Amino acid sequence: MKKDLICNECGHEWTMKPDKDGLFNGYGCPPCPSCYSGCGVSPNDYGDFKCLWCGHEFRRYGNGGLHLGMIPKCPDCSGPCDEV
C-alpha cells in the first residue's frame, strides 16, 4: 500500500511505498526528493487557516496545524485566525 506524503518545508507532494517494517528506505519520515531539506509527512496532519483581519490564507503542519492545541496567529499581521 502506497502512502501520500508532503514535505514539511517546501510543500512538494509525492507517493511512496513503505517497506515491510513500515519505513521508507529506513526512514520514518523520508527526505524530500525535491528540496532535500524537509521530510515527508502525512498530508492529513496539516491544517488550513484564514486570518480574520487581513484574509491571508496559510497552512500549518503538525496536530492538524494547531500549536499546543491552539489556533495560530496570522504570519503576516499577527491577527486572529479561523480554520478553513
Protein backbone atom coordinates (compact mmCIF):
# COMPACT_ATOMS: atom_id res chain seq x y z
CA MET A 1 0.00 0.00 0.00
CA LYS A 2 1.45 3.35 -1.03
CA LYS A 3 1.28 6.41 1.20
CA ASP A 4 0.84 10.02 0.18
CA LEU A 5 3.48 12.32 1.63
CA ILE A 6 4.05 16.07 1.68
CA CYS A 7 7.27 17.93 2.50
CA ASN A 8 7.06 19.93 5.72
CA GLU A 9 9.46 22.53 4.24
CA CYS A 10 8.62 23.15 0.57
CA GLY A 11 5.19 21.50 0.23
CA HIS A 12 6.24 19.03 -2.51
CA GLU A 13 3.83 16.08 -2.66
CA TRP A 14 4.73 12.51 -3.63
CA THR A 15 3.69 8.90 -3.07
CA MET A 16 5.99 6.23 -1.69
CA LYS A 17 5.61 2.60 -0.69
CA PRO A 18 6.81 1.66 2.82
CA ASP A 19 8.96 -1.43 3.33
CA LYS A 20 7.97 -4.47 5.44
CA ASP A 21 8.87 -2.56 8.64
CA GLY A 22 6.67 0.40 7.69
CA LEU A 23 9.68 2.60 6.94
CA PHE A 24 10.63 4.49 3.78
CA ASN A 25 14.18 3.46 2.80
CA GLY A 26 15.00 3.21 6.51
CA TYR A 27 13.34 6.49 7.47
CA GLY A 28 10.09 7.02 9.37
CA CYS A 29 9.76 10.33 7.54
CA PRO A 30 11.70 10.10 4.25
CA PRO A 31 13.74 13.08 2.97
CA CYS A 32 12.05 15.27 0.38
CA PRO A 33 13.09 14.35 -3.18
CA SER A 34 12.60 17.97 -4.28
CA CYS A 35 14.30 20.26 -1.72
CA TYR A 36 16.28 17.62 0.26
CA SER A 37 15.94 19.67 3.45
CA GLY A 38 12.44 18.76 4.58
CA CYS A 39 10.92 15.39 5.28
CA GLY A 40 7.78 13.65 4.09
CA VAL A 41 4.85 13.70 6.47
CA SER A 42 1.18 12.83 6.20
CA PRO A 43 -0.92 15.48 4.40
CA ASN A 44 -3.67 14.77 6.97
CA ASP A 45 -1.53 16.39 9.65
CA TYR A 46 -1.84 19.85 8.08
CA GLY A 47 -4.39 22.49 8.93
CA ASP A 48 -5.57 25.34 6.70
CA PHE A 49 -6.26 28.72 8.28
CA LYS A 50 -7.51 32.17 7.25
CA CYS A 51 -6.82 35.44 9.02
CA LEU A 52 -9.95 37.24 10.18
CA TRP A 53 -8.25 40.66 9.82
CA CYS A 54 -6.31 40.60 6.54
CA GLY A 55 -7.76 37.49 4.83
CA HIS A 56 -4.35 35.78 4.39
CA GLU A 57 -4.73 32.01 3.94
CA PHE A 58 -1.93 29.71 5.06
CA ARG A 59 -1.17 26.13 6.04
CA ARG A 60 0.48 24.83 9.21
CA TYR A 61 1.92 21.37 9.87
CA GLY A 62 1.50 19.25 12.98
CA ASN A 63 -1.52 18.28 15.03
CA GLY A 64 -3.83 19.45 12.26
CA GLY A 65 -1.94 22.76 12.14
CA LEU A 66 -2.59 23.56 15.78
CA HIS A 67 0.28 24.67 18.01
CA LEU A 68 -0.10 23.30 21.54
CA GLY A 69 -3.78 22.80 20.71
CA MET A 70 -4.30 26.50 19.91
CA ILE A 71 -5.20 28.22 16.62
CA PRO A 72 -2.09 30.01 15.25
CA LYS A 73 -1.86 33.75 14.63
CA CYS A 74 -1.52 35.13 11.12
CA PRO A 75 2.12 35.14 9.93
CA ASP A 76 1.52 38.43 8.05
CA CYS A 77 -0.31 40.65 10.56
CA SER A 78 -0.46 38.54 13.79
CA GLY A 79 -4.24 38.74 13.68
CA PRO A 80 -6.64 36.04 14.88
CA CYS A 81 -7.34 33.14 12.52
CA ASP A 82 -10.04 30.61 11.87
CA GLU A 83 -9.80 27.11 10.40
CA VAL A 84 -10.81 26.86 6.74
